[in-house]
């Protein structure tokens, strides 16, 4: 039984099982940076000054254009070998039409118009290479084009303006052929006299894959075989001494009992050997060790124990007082 439970526990622990696990295959990172050159005379900044990111507003009469850089990188778990193309679009749309869900995703677009800013740019990327696309936004022109659409539609609204960089990539990622497109969009708030840029300018886009991994043995799977194995071990450990006890010689048990009984007289007994001239002495047999010890006390003598013969004796006034323990040849150690 213990062999069976041990084998069962071993098989449960070493048995191989697998599970599907979702892990990151590669990560695309995009980040916008910008600055606005002061190109017109104004009471706030000298011409030629460059206004950096984070201003609450940028005025048309101060810095009507904005220089923007989009930085792209793809990090794969193993390797990257890609051809990448980047193009930046201005996407104007009206989401205030029929069926709109305020401040929610999945809004119905009433109208939308896209046009490209500058030329497309391309590069060949290895793993963790950085690709930068630079372009300039003419904010008054964007506003003018948007208003032109509204005038042609004879419809006035509060359109949304987004700057969208579209990344098209093709090649190998982690040794596998891939083709894909990823958009990185930020809103631009354009009013009649100024424009604003968002605070959130960075993006991280993870692409996952499923892999088959080996599962570690669960404690719940092997706990019953372990319990059975330990139970059998305890039972066998308990049975072994019981079986050994059944084989003990009854004479040995009797000897132990006598030793226990005689241990109270140990301080009155010394080891020795019965004299060879015992036959010349008057011999008196005593019926018990206790009586012999009492007699020795009365005679102011010590009891002598001959371990070889198993005899206890006293010699007093040419008389041999003797008690012979037939069950033991060495009661005093």
C-alpha atoms as a PDB file:
ATOM      1  CA  UNK A   1       0.000   0.000   0.000  1.00  0.00           C
ATOM      2  CA  UNK A   2       2.815   2.400   0.857  1.00  0.00           C
ATOM      3  CA  UNK A   3       4.492   1.636  -2.491  1.00  0.00           C
ATOM      4  CA  UNK A   4       1.237   2.325  -4.319  1.00  0.00           C
ATOM      5  CA  UNK A   5       0.656   5.653  -2.552  1.00  0.00           C
ATOM      6  CA  UNK A   6       4.282   6.648  -3.119  1.00  0.00           C
ATOM      7  CA  UNK A   7       4.041   5.918  -6.839  1.00  0.00           C
ATOM      8  CA  UNK A   8       0.749   7.786  -7.032  1.00  0.00           C
ATOM      9  CA  UNK A   9       2.270  10.820  -5.329  1.00  0.00           C
ATOM     10  CA  UNK A  10       5.296  10.686  -7.655  1.00  0.00           C
ATOM     11  CA  UNK A  11       3.144  10.499 -10.782  1.00  0.00           C
ATOM     12  CA  UNK A  12       0.932  13.388  -9.642  1.00  0.00           C
ATOM     13  CA  UNK A  13       3.965  15.532  -8.846  1.00  0.00           C
ATOM     14  CA  UNK A  14       5.994  14.743 -11.980  1.00  0.00           C
ATOM     15  CA  UNK A  15       3.079  14.496 -14.410  1.00  0.00           C
ATOM     16  CA  UNK A  16       3.281  17.165 -17.116  1.00  0.00           C
ATOM     17  CA  UNK A  17       0.257  19.378 -17.779  1.00  0.00           C
ATOM     18  CA  UNK A  18      -0.065  22.558 -19.790  1.00  0.00           C
ATOM     19  CA  UNK A  19      -2.159  25.719 -19.854  1.00  0.00           C
ATOM     20  CA  UNK A  20      -2.696  28.646 -22.216  1.00  0.00           C
ATOM     21  CA  UNK A  21      -1.113  31.884 -20.998  1.00  0.00           C
ATOM     22  CA  UNK A  22      -1.509  35.383 -22.436  1.00  0.00           C
ATOM     23  CA  UNK A  23       1.804  37.235 -22.733  1.00  0.00           C
ATOM     24  CA  UNK A  24       3.031  40.403 -24.441  1.00  0.00           C
ATOM     25  CA  UNK A  25       4.468  39.759 -27.898  1.00  0.00           C
ATOM     26  CA  UNK A  26       5.484  43.343 -28.670  1.00  0.00           C
ATOM     27  CA  UNK A  27       4.831  46.904 -27.523  1.00  0.00           C
ATOM     28  CA  UNK A  28       4.419  49.994 -29.694  1.00  0.00           C
ATOM     29  CA  UNK A  29       5.251  53.333 -28.098  1.00  0.00           C
ATOM     30  CA  UNK A  30       4.318  56.728 -29.519  1.00  0.00           C
ATOM     31  CA  UNK A  31       4.952  60.157 -28.076  1.00  0.00           C
ATOM     32  CA  UNK A  32       4.287  63.705 -29.307  1.00  0.00           C
ATOM     33  CA  UNK A  33       6.457  66.720 -28.494  1.00  0.00           C
ATOM     34  CA  UNK A  34       5.875  70.232 -29.749  1.00  0.00           C
ATOM     35  CA  UNK A  35       6.890  73.873 -29.555  1.00  0.00           C
ATOM     36  CA  UNK A  36       5.390  77.060 -30.989  1.00  0.00           C
ATOM     37  CA  UNK A  37       7.702  79.721 -32.482  1.00  0.00           C
ATOM     38  CA  UNK A  38       6.753  83.336 -31.842  1.00  0.00           C
ATOM     39  CA  UNK A  39       6.532  84.784 -35.373  1.00  0.00           C
ATOM     40  CA  UNK A  40       4.391  87.905 -34.883  1.00  0.00           C
ATOM     41  CA  UNK A  41       4.907  91.101 -32.873  1.00  0.00           C
ATOM     42  CA  UNK A  42       2.993  90.975 -29.603  1.00  0.00           C
ATOM     43  CA  UNK A  43       3.033  92.447 -26.092  1.00  0.00           C
ATOM     44  CA  UNK A  44       3.946  89.112 -24.427  1.00  0.00           C
ATOM     45  CA  UNK A  45       6.989  87.532 -26.075  1.00  0.00           C
ATOM     46  CA  UNK A  46       9.794  88.803 -28.307  1.00  0.00           C
ATOM     47  CA  UNK A  47       9.805  87.487 -31.871  1.00  0.00           C
ATOM     48  CA  UNK A  48      12.003  84.440 -32.330  1.00  0.00           C
ATOM     49  CA  UNK A  49      11.119  83.052 -28.920  1.00  0.00           C
ATOM     50  CA  UNK A  50      10.013  79.422 -28.884  1.00  0.00           C
ATOM     51  CA  UNK A  51       7.111  78.560 -26.602  1.00  0.00           C
ATOM     52  CA  UNK A  52       7.578  75.108 -25.163  1.00  0.00           C
ATOM     53  CA  UNK A  53       4.980  72.513 -24.204  1.00  0.00           C
ATOM     54  CA  UNK A  54       2.561  72.965 -21.339  1.00  0.00           C
ATOM     55  CA  UNK A  55       1.261  76.483 -21.952  1.00  0.00           C
ATOM     56  CA  UNK A  56      -2.430  76.938 -21.117  1.00  0.00           C
ATOM     57  CA  UNK A  57      -3.019  78.522 -24.536  1.00  0.00           C
ATOM     58  CA  UNK A  58      -1.211  79.612 -27.696  1.00  0.00           C
ATOM     59  CA  UNK A  59      -2.562  82.729 -29.465  1.00  0.00           C
ATOM     60  CA  UNK A  60      -2.987  83.085 -33.219  1.00  0.00           C
ATOM     61  CA  UNK A  61      -1.553  86.621 -33.029  1.00  0.00           C
ATOM     62  CA  UNK A  62       1.607  85.338 -31.315  1.00  0.00           C
ATOM     63  CA  UNK A  63       2.452  81.854 -32.594  1.00  0.00           C
ATOM     64  CA  UNK A  64       0.034  80.685 -35.289  1.00  0.00           C
ATOM     65  CA  UNK A  65       2.108  77.631 -36.236  1.00  0.00           C
ATOM     66  CA  UNK A  66       3.318  74.688 -34.182  1.00  0.00           C
ATOM     67  CA  UNK A  67       6.322  72.417 -34.825  1.00  0.00           C
ATOM     68  CA  UNK A  68       5.499  68.829 -33.812  1.00  0.00           C
ATOM     69  CA  UNK A  69       7.614  65.686 -33.536  1.00  0.00           C
ATOM     70  CA  UNK A  70       6.138  62.214 -33.304  1.00  0.00           C
ATOM     71  CA  UNK A  71       8.520  59.599 -31.892  1.00  0.00           C
ATOM     72  CA  UNK A  72       7.762  55.917 -32.513  1.00  0.00           C
ATOM     73  CA  UNK A  73       9.404  52.759 -31.206  1.00  0.00           C
ATOM     74  CA  UNK A  74       8.526  49.071 -31.274  1.00  0.00           C
ATOM     75  CA  UNK A  75       9.879  46.753 -28.561  1.00  0.00           C
ATOM     76  CA  UNK A  76       9.548  43.018 -29.213  1.00  0.00           C
ATOM     77  CA  UNK A  77      10.299  40.178 -26.822  1.00  0.00           C
ATOM     78  CA  UNK A  78      12.827  38.752 -29.277  1.00  0.00           C
ATOM     79  CA  UNK A  79      13.532  40.599 -32.538  1.00  0.00           C
ATOM     80  CA  UNK A  80      12.168  43.196 -34.944  1.00  0.00           C
ATOM     81  CA  UNK A  81      12.808  43.685 -38.663  1.00  0.00           C
ATOM     82  CA  UNK A  82      10.200  46.119 -40.026  1.00  0.00           C
ATOM     83  CA  UNK A  83       9.553  48.609 -42.759  1.00  0.00           C
ATOM     84  CA  UNK A  84       7.586  51.470 -41.209  1.00  0.00           C
ATOM     85  CA  UNK A  85       5.677  54.320 -42.841  1.00  0.00           C
ATOM     86  CA  UNK A  86       4.277  57.289 -40.914  1.00  0.00           C
ATOM     87  CA  UNK A  87       1.789  59.863 -42.126  1.00  0.00           C
ATOM     88  CA  UNK A  88       0.046  62.548 -40.102  1.00  0.00           C
ATOM     89  CA  UNK A  89      -3.580  63.454 -40.694  1.00  0.00           C
ATOM     90  CA  UNK A  90      -5.812  66.252 -39.490  1.00  0.00           C
ATOM     91  CA  UNK A  91      -9.234  64.758 -38.799  1.00  0.00           C
ATOM     92  CA  UNK A  92     -12.123  67.217 -38.373  1.00  0.00           C
ATOM     93  CA  UNK A  93     -15.509  65.812 -37.393  1.00  0.00           C
ATOM     94  CA  UNK A  94     -18.835  66.751 -35.886  1.00  0.00           C
ATOM     95  CA  UNK A  95     -20.168  64.460 -33.180  1.00  0.00           C
ATOM     96  CA  UNK A  96     -23.058  66.680 -32.202  1.00  0.00           C
ATOM     97  CA  UNK A  97     -25.472  65.326 -34.775  1.00  0.00           C
ATOM     98  CA  UNK A  98     -28.496  63.078 -34.439  1.00  0.00           C
ATOM     99  CA  UNK A  99     -28.061  60.137 -32.059  1.00  0.00           C
ATOM    100  CA  UNK A 100     -25.130  61.556 -30.131  1.00  0.00           C
ATOM    101  CA  UNK A 101     -24.282  60.083 -26.728  1.00  0.00           C
ATOM    102  CA  UNK A 102     -22.758  62.888 -24.686  1.00  0.00           C
ATOM    103  CA  UNK A 103     -19.220  62.214 -23.376  1.00  0.00           C
ATOM    104  CA  UNK A 104     -19.417  58.562 -24.356  1.00  0.00           C
ATOM    105  CA  UNK A 105     -17.598  56.252 -26.704  1.00  0.00           C
ATOM    106  CA  UNK A 106     -19.211  55.023 -29.886  1.00  0.00           C
ATOM    107  CA  UNK A 107     -20.682  58.397 -30.787  1.00  0.00           C
ATOM    108  CA  UNK A 108     -22.303  58.732 -34.184  1.00  0.00           C
ATOM    109  CA  UNK A 109     -20.257  60.974 -36.449  1.00  0.00           C
ATOM    110  CA  UNK A 110     -22.399  63.576 -38.191  1.00  0.00           C
ATOM    111  CA  UNK A 111     -19.645  64.535 -40.625  1.00  0.00           C
ATOM    112  CA  UNK A 112     -15.880  63.913 -40.895  1.00  0.00           C
ATOM    113  CA  UNK A 113     -13.092  65.179 -43.128  1.00  0.00           C
ATOM    114  CA  UNK A 114      -9.420  64.104 -43.155  1.00  0.00           C
ATOM    115  CA  UNK A 115      -6.406  65.524 -44.940  1.00  0.00           C
ATOM    116  CA  UNK A 116      -2.709  64.815 -44.690  1.00  0.00           C
ATOM    117  CA  UNK A 117      -0.100  67.144 -43.206  1.00  0.00           C
ATOM    118  CA  UNK A 118       3.204  67.141 -45.039  1.00  0.00           C
ATOM    119  CA  UNK A 119       4.705  64.085 -46.718  1.00  0.00           C
ATOM    120  CA  UNK A 120       4.741  60.493 -45.514  1.00  0.00           C
ATOM    121  CA  UNK A 121       8.001  59.293 -43.984  1.00  0.00           C
ATOM    122  CA  UNK A 122       9.416  55.785 -43.899  1.00  0.00           C
ATOM    123  CA  UNK A 123      12.201  53.907 -42.147  1.00  0.00           C
ATOM    124  CA  UNK A 124      13.574  50.421 -41.563  1.00  0.00           C
ATOM    125  CA  UNK A 125      13.488  49.496 -37.873  1.00  0.00           C
ATOM    126  CA  UNK A 126      15.226  46.884 -35.785  1.00  0.00           C
ATOM    127  CA  UNK A 127      14.214  46.079 -32.239  1.00  0.00           C
ATOM    128  CA  UNK A 128      13.960  49.220 -30.044  1.00  0.00           C
ATOM    129  CA  UNK A 129      15.030  51.551 -32.884  1.00  0.00           C
ATOM    130  CA  UNK A 130      13.496  55.031 -32.704  1.00  0.00           C
ATOM    131  CA  UNK A 131      11.691  56.580 -35.663  1.00  0.00           C
ATOM    132  CA  UNK A 132      10.905  60.327 -35.614  1.00  0.00           C
ATOM    133  CA  UNK A 133       8.453  62.108 -37.895  1.00  0.00           C
ATOM    134  CA  UNK A 134       8.525  65.932 -37.861  1.00  0.00           C
ATOM    135  CA  UNK A 135       5.776  68.177 -39.216  1.00  0.00           C
ATOM    136  CA  UNK A 136       4.375  71.683 -38.829  1.00  0.00           C
ATOM    137  CA  UNK A 137       0.772  72.576 -38.097  1.00  0.00           C
ATOM    138  CA  UNK A 138      -0.689  75.808 -39.471  1.00  0.00           C
ATOM    139  CA  UNK A 139      -3.441  76.307 -36.915  1.00  0.00           C
ATOM    140  CA  UNK A 140      -5.310  79.191 -38.643  1.00  0.00           C
ATOM    141  CA  UNK A 141      -5.338  77.168 -41.860  1.00  0.00           C
ATOM    142  CA  UNK A 142      -6.839  74.165 -40.043  1.00  0.00           C
ATOM    143  CA  UNK A 143      -9.502  76.426 -38.595  1.00  0.00           C
ATOM    144  CA  UNK A 144     -10.195  77.948 -42.009  1.00  0.00           C
ATOM    145  CA  UNK A 145     -10.590  74.559 -43.700  1.00  0.00           C
ATOM    146  CA  UNK A 146     -12.954  73.376 -40.992  1.00  0.00           C
ATOM    147  CA  UNK A 147     -15.114  76.500 -41.279  1.00  0.00           C
ATOM    148  CA  UNK A 148     -15.193  76.095 -45.049  1.00  0.00           C
ATOM    149  CA  UNK A 149     -16.775  72.646 -44.616  1.00  0.00           C
ATOM    150  CA  UNK A 150     -19.415  74.071 -42.292  1.00  0.00           C
ATOM    151  CA  UNK A 151     -20.159  76.898 -44.753  1.00  0.00           C
ATOM    152  CA  UNK A 152     -20.568  74.479 -47.632  1.00  0.00           C
ATOM    153  CA  UNK A 153     -22.911  72.340 -45.529  1.00  0.00           C
ATOM    154  CA  UNK A 154     -24.730  75.450 -44.339  1.00  0.00           C
ATOM    155  CA  UNK A 155     -24.345  73.985 -40.868  1.00  0.00           C
ATOM    156  CA  UNK A 156     -22.693  75.566 -37.814  1.00  0.00           C
ATOM    157  CA  UNK A 157     -21.398  73.305 -35.028  1.00  0.00           C
ATOM    158  CA  UNK A 158     -18.492  72.845 -32.625  1.00  0.00           C
ATOM    159  CA  UNK A 159     -16.298  70.400 -34.570  1.00  0.00           C
ATOM    160  CA  UNK A 160     -13.614  68.171 -33.027  1.00  0.00           C
ATOM    161  CA  UNK A 161     -10.066  68.468 -34.366  1.00  0.00           C
ATOM    162  CA  UNK A 162      -7.638  65.553 -33.936  1.00  0.00           C
ATOM    163  CA  UNK A 163      -4.020  65.125 -34.938  1.00  0.00           C
ATOM    164  CA  UNK A 164      -3.633  61.488 -35.970  1.00  0.00           C
ATOM    165  CA  UNK A 165      -0.334  59.839 -36.867  1.00  0.00           C
ATOM    166  CA  UNK A 166      -0.907  56.593 -38.754  1.00  0.00           C
ATOM    167  CA  UNK A 167       1.855  53.976 -38.543  1.00  0.00           C
ATOM    168  CA  UNK A 168       1.833  51.232 -41.187  1.00  0.00           C
ATOM    169  CA  UNK A 169       4.345  48.442 -40.541  1.00  0.00           C
ATOM    170  CA  UNK A 170       5.315  45.286 -42.400  1.00  0.00           C
ATOM    171  CA  UNK A 171       8.039  42.729 -41.815  1.00  0.00           C
ATOM    172  CA  UNK A 172       8.984  40.319 -39.061  1.00  0.00           C
ATOM    173  CA  UNK A 173       8.398  40.540 -35.330  1.00  0.00           C
ATOM    174  CA  UNK A 174       9.840  37.751 -33.167  1.00  0.00           C
ATOM    175  CA  UNK A 175      10.595  35.852 -36.367  1.00  0.00           C
ATOM    176  CA  UNK A 176       7.001  35.901 -37.653  1.00  0.00           C
ATOM    177  CA  UNK A 177       5.599  37.824 -40.620  1.00  0.00           C
ATOM    178  CA  UNK A 178       3.365  40.717 -39.579  1.00  0.00           C
ATOM    179  CA  UNK A 179       1.434  43.499 -41.288  1.00  0.00           C
ATOM    180  CA  UNK A 180      -0.415  46.106 -39.283  1.00  0.00           C
ATOM    181  CA  UNK A 181      -1.607  49.648 -38.757  1.00  0.00           C
ATOM    182  CA  UNK A 182      -1.620  51.640 -35.531  1.00  0.00           C
ATOM    183  CA  UNK A 183      -3.138  55.107 -35.008  1.00  0.00           C
ATOM    184  CA  UNK A 184      -1.912  57.609 -32.422  1.00  0.00           C
ATOM    185  CA  UNK A 185      -4.404  60.467 -31.981  1.00  0.00           C
ATOM    186  CA  UNK A 186      -4.398  63.602 -29.822  1.00  0.00           C
ATOM    187  CA  UNK A 187      -7.096  66.296 -29.759  1.00  0.00           C
ATOM    188  CA  UNK A 188      -6.468  69.976 -30.485  1.00  0.00           C
ATOM    189  CA  UNK A 189      -8.866  72.540 -29.077  1.00  0.00           C
ATOM    190  CA  UNK A 190      -9.076  75.435 -31.546  1.00  0.00           C
ATOM    191  CA  UNK A 191     -11.118  78.522 -30.708  1.00  0.00           C
ATOM    192  CA  UNK A 192     -11.499  81.750 -32.662  1.00  0.00           C
ATOM    193  CA  UNK A 193      -8.353  83.400 -31.192  1.00  0.00           C
ATOM    194  CA  UNK A 194      -6.229  80.684 -29.562  1.00  0.00           C
ATOM    195  CA  UNK A 195      -5.573  76.951 -29.504  1.00  0.00           C
ATOM    196  CA  UNK A 196      -4.744  74.410 -26.785  1.00  0.00           C
ATOM    197  CA  UNK A 197      -2.862  71.106 -26.737  1.00  0.00           C
ATOM    198  CA  UNK A 198      -3.606  68.144 -24.423  1.00  0.00           C
ATOM    199  CA  UNK A 199      -1.501  67.117 -21.454  1.00  0.00           C
ATOM    200  CA  UNK A 200      -1.520  63.417 -22.394  1.00  0.00           C
ATOM    201  CA  UNK A 201       0.874  63.010 -25.312  1.00  0.00           C
ATOM    202  CA  UNK A 202       2.291  59.485 -24.838  1.00  0.00           C
ATOM    203  CA  UNK A 203       0.878  56.096 -25.823  1.00  0.00           C
ATOM    204  CA  UNK A 204       1.736  52.474 -25.087  1.00  0.00           C
ATOM    205  CA  UNK A 205       0.040  49.826 -27.241  1.00  0.00           C
ATOM    206  CA  UNK A 206       0.632  46.204 -26.200  1.00  0.00           C
ATOM    207  CA  UNK A 207       0.021  43.280 -28.554  1.00  0.00           C
ATOM    208  CA  UNK A 208      -0.494  39.915 -26.876  1.00  0.00           C
ATOM    209  CA  UNK A 209      -0.115  36.319 -27.892  1.00  0.00           C
ATOM    210  CA  UNK A 210      -1.162  33.027 -26.331  1.00  0.00           C
ATOM    211  CA  UNK A 211       1.528  30.535 -25.439  1.00  0.00           C
ATOM    212  CA  UNK A 212       1.345  27.010 -24.037  1.00  0.00           C
ATOM    213  CA  UNK A 213       3.254  26.712 -20.778  1.00  0.00           C
ATOM    214  CA  UNK A 214       3.846  23.847 -18.388  1.00  0.00           C
ATOM    215  CA  UNK A 215       1.837  24.061 -15.183  1.00  0.00           C
ATOM    216  CA  UNK A 216       3.468  23.600 -11.811  1.00  0.00           C
ATOM    217  CA  UNK A 217       1.973  20.718  -9.819  1.00  0.00           C
ATOM    218  CA  UNK A 218      -0.856  21.984  -7.652  1.00  0.00           C
ATOM    219  CA  UNK A 219      -0.758  21.148  -3.914  1.00  0.00           C
ATOM    220  CA  UNK A 220      -4.452  20.314  -4.128  1.00  0.00           C
ATOM    221  CA  UNK A 221      -3.675  17.662  -6.757  1.00  0.00           C
ATOM    222  CA  UNK A 222      -1.128  15.752  -4.707  1.00  0.00           C
ATOM    223  CA  UNK A 223      -2.424  16.354  -1.184  1.00  0.00           C
ATOM    224  CA  UNK A 224      -4.470  13.121  -1.052  1.00  0.00           C
ATOM    225  CA  UNK A 225      -1.577  10.878  -2.275  1.00  0.00           C
ATOM    226  CA  UNK A 226       0.677  12.605   0.286  1.00  0.00           C
ATOM    227  CA  UNK A 227      -1.905  12.034   3.025  1.00  0.00           C
ATOM    228  CA  UNK A 228      -2.216   8.364   2.056  1.00  0.00           C
ATOM    229  CA  UNK A 229       1.557   7.929   1.930  1.00  0.00           C
ATOM    230  CA  UNK A 230       2.069   9.522   5.355  1.00  0.00           C
ATOM    231  CA  UNK A 231      -0.793   7.544   6.872  1.00  0.00           C
ATOM    232  CA  UNK A 232       0.704   4.261   5.671  1.00  0.00           C
ATOM    233  CA  UNK A 233       4.126   5.300   6.949  1.00  0.00           C
ATOM    234  CA  UNK A 234       2.729   6.057  10.418  1.00  0.00           C
ATOM    235  CA  UNK A 235       0.780   2.793  10.545  1.00  0.00           C
ATOM    236  CA  UNK A 236       3.787   0.717   9.515  1.00  0.00           C
ATOM    237  CA  UNK A 237       5.964   2.597  12.010  1.00  0.00           C
ATOM    238  CA  UNK A 238       3.467   1.754  14.745  1.00  0.00           C
ATOM    239  CA  UNK A 239       3.141  -1.912  13.770  1.00  0.00           C
ATOM    240  CA  UNK A 240       6.871  -2.681  13.655  1.00  0.00           C
ATOM    241  CA  UNK A 241       7.517  -2.262  17.411  1.00  0.00           C
ATOM    242  CA  UNK A 242       4.330  -4.159  18.207  1.00  0.00           C
ATOM    243  CA  UNK A 243       5.502  -7.123  16.168  1.00  0.00           C
ATOM    244  CA  UNK A 244       8.897  -6.951  17.805  1.00  0.00           C
ATOM    245  CA  UNK A 245       7.313  -6.965  21.255  1.00  0.00           C
ATOM    246  CA  UNK A 246       5.488 -10.196  20.430  1.00  0.00           C
ATOM    247  CA  UNK A 247       8.864 -11.931  19.899  1.00  0.00           C
ATOM    248  CA  UNK A 248      10.380 -10.987  23.321  1.00  0.00           C
ATOM    249  CA  UNK A 249      11.429 -13.982  25.444  1.00  0.00           C
ATOM    250  CA  UNK A 250       9.108 -14.398  28.465  1.00  0.00           C
ATOM    251  CA  UNK A 251      12.160 -15.157  30.611  1.00  0.00           C
ATOM    252  CA  UNK A 252      13.628 -11.787  29.678  1.00  0.00           C
ATOM    253  CA  UNK A 253      10.412 -10.059  30.711  1.00  0.00           C
ATOM    254  CA  UNK A 254      10.478 -11.919  34.016  1.00  0.00           C
ATOM    255  CA  UNK A 255      14.094 -10.869  34.503  1.00  0.00           C
ATOM    256  CA  UNK A 256      13.148  -7.214  33.989  1.00  0.00           C
ATOM    257  CA  UNK A 257      10.351  -7.553  36.495  1.00  0.00           C
ATOM    258  CA  UNK A 258      12.735  -9.000  39.082  1.00  0.00           C
ATOM    259  CA  UNK A 259      15.287  -6.276  38.458  1.00  0.00           C
ATOM    260  CA  UNK A 260      12.600  -3.677  38.994  1.00  0.00           C
ATOM    261  CA  UNK A 261      11.486  -5.433  42.197  1.00  0.00           C
ATOM    262  CA  UNK A 262      15.067  -5.745  43.535  1.00  0.00           C
ATOM    263  CA  UNK A 263      16.141  -2.209  42.617  1.00  0.00           C
ATOM    264  CA  UNK A 264      14.970  -0.921  46.025  1.00  0.00           C
ATOM    265  CA  UNK A 265      17.712  -3.018  47.737  1.00  0.00           C
ATOM    266  CA  UNK A 266      20.501  -1.824  45.489  1.00  0.00           C
ATOM    267  CA  UNK A 267      22.103   0.446  48.108  1.00  0.00           C
ATOM    268  CA  UNK A 268      22.531  -2.531  50.510  1.00  0.00           C
ATOM    269  CA  UNK A 269      24.212  -4.841  47.953  1.00  0.00           C
ATOM    270  CA  UNK A 270      27.808  -5.057  46.756  1.00  0.00           C
ATOM    271  CA  UNK A 271      29.298  -7.132  43.995  1.00  0.00           C
ATOM    272  CA  UNK A 272      31.531 -10.044  44.881  1.00  0.00           C
ATOM    273  CA  UNK A 273      32.174 -13.763  44.518  1.00  0.00           C
ATOM    274  CA  UNK A 274      31.067 -16.548  46.789  1.00  0.00           C
ATOM    275  CA  UNK A 275      34.106 -18.080  48.601  1.00  0.00           C
ATOM    276  CA  UNK A 276      35.507 -21.373  47.374  1.00  0.00           C
ATOM    277  CA  UNK A 277      35.440 -22.811  50.911  1.00  0.00           C
ATOM    278  CA  UNK A 278      31.683 -22.414  51.139  1.00  0.00           C
ATOM    279  CA  UNK A 279      31.354 -26.091  51.916  1.00  0.00           C
ATOM    280  CA  UNK A 280      33.199 -25.583  55.231  1.00  0.00           C
ATOM    281  CA  UNK A 281      30.670 -22.960  56.319  1.00  0.00           C
ATOM    282  CA  UNK A 282      27.315 -23.468  57.934  1.00  0.00           C
ATOM    283  CA  UNK A 283      24.868 -22.755  55.082  1.00  0.00           C
ATOM    284  CA  UNK A 284      21.503 -21.111  55.776  1.00  0.00           C
ATOM    285  CA  UNK A 285      19.115 -20.593  52.820  1.00  0.00           C
ATOM    286  CA  UNK A 286      17.006 -17.420  52.893  1.00  0.00           C
ATOM    287  CA  UNK A 287      13.682 -17.411  51.035  1.00  0.00           C
ATOM    288  CA  UNK A 288      13.841 -13.871  49.576  1.00  0.00           C
ATOM    289  CA  UNK A 289      16.245 -11.065  48.904  1.00  0.00           C
ATOM    290  CA  UNK A 290      14.253  -8.806  51.197  1.00  0.00           C
ATOM    291  CA  UNK A 291      14.706 -11.204  54.129  1.00  0.00           C
ATOM    292  CA  UNK A 292      18.439 -11.447  53.373  1.00  0.00           C
ATOM    293  CA  UNK A 293      18.796  -7.664  53.361  1.00  0.00           C
ATOM    294  CA  UNK A 294      16.937  -7.428  56.690  1.00  0.00           C
ATOM    295  CA  UNK A 295      19.208 -10.079  58.196  1.00  0.00           C
ATOM    296  CA  UNK A 296      22.311  -8.247  56.961  1.00  0.00           C
ATOM    297  CA  UNK A 297      21.044  -5.087  58.591  1.00  0.00           C
ATOM    298  CA  UNK A 298      20.540  -6.851  61.890  1.00  0.00           C
ATOM    299  CA  UNK A 299      24.048  -8.360  61.666  1.00  0.00           C
ATOM    300  CA  UNK A 300      25.621  -5.085  60.544  1.00  0.00           C
ATOM    301  CA  UNK A 301      26.802  -6.773  57.346  1.00  0.00           C
ATOM    302  CA  UNK A 302      26.391  -6.063  53.577  1.00  0.00           C
ATOM    303  CA  UNK A 303      24.769  -8.394  51.108  1.00  0.00           C
ATOM    304  CA  UNK A 304      27.162  -9.671  48.448  1.00  0.00           C
ATOM    305  CA  UNK A 305      25.927 -10.564  44.946  1.00  0.00           C
ATOM    306  CA  UNK A 306      27.753 -13.120  42.806  1.00  0.00           C
ATOM    307  CA  UNK A 307      26.740 -12.170  39.252  1.00  0.00           C
ATOM    308  CA  UNK A 308      28.124 -15.393  37.829  1.00  0.00           C
ATOM    309  CA  UNK A 309      25.997 -17.713  39.942  1.00  0.00           C
ATOM    310  CA  UNK A 310      23.106 -15.366  40.615  1.00  0.00           C
ATOM    311  CA  UNK A 311      23.520 -15.847  44.401  1.00  0.00           C
ATOM    312  CA  UNK A 312      23.142 -13.231  47.139  1.00  0.00           C
ATOM    313  CA  UNK A 313      24.876 -14.033  50.450  1.00  0.00           C
ATOM    314  CA  UNK A 314      26.172 -12.899  53.852  1.00  0.00           C
ATOM    315  CA  UNK A 315      28.986 -14.480  55.839  1.00  0.00           C
ATOM    316  CA  UNK A 316      28.641 -13.949  59.581  1.00  0.00           C
ATOM    317  CA  UNK A 317      30.224 -15.944  62.421  1.00  0.00           C
ATOM    318  CA  UNK A 318      31.315 -18.842  60.114  1.00  0.00           C
ATOM    319  CA  UNK A 319      27.765 -19.116  58.690  1.00  0.00           C
ATOM    320  CA  UNK A 320      26.765 -18.544  55.040  1.00  0.00           C
ATOM    321  CA  UNK A 321      23.353 -16.940  54.680  1.00  0.00           C
ATOM    322  CA  UNK A 322      22.350 -17.290  51.012  1.00  0.00           C
ATOM    323  CA  UNK A 323      19.530 -16.417  48.581  1.00  0.00           C
ATOM    324  CA  UNK A 324      19.697 -17.741  45.036  1.00  0.00           C
ATOM    325  CA  UNK A 325      17.896 -15.766  42.275  1.00  0.00           C
ATOM    326  CA  UNK A 326      17.174 -18.363  39.611  1.00  0.00           C
ATOM    327  CA  UNK A 327      15.846 -15.818  37.035  1.00  0.00           C
ATOM    328  CA  UNK A 328      18.924 -13.601  36.678  1.00  0.00           C
ATOM    329  CA  UNK A 329      22.658 -13.868  36.654  1.00  0.00           C
ATOM    330  CA  UNK A 330      23.245 -10.130  36.831  1.00  0.00           C
ATOM    331  CA  UNK A 331      20.654  -8.168  38.779  1.00  0.00           C
ATOM    332  CA  UNK A 332      22.931  -5.379  39.914  1.00  0.00           C
ATOM    333  CA  UNK A 333      24.750  -3.232  37.296  1.00  0.00           C
END
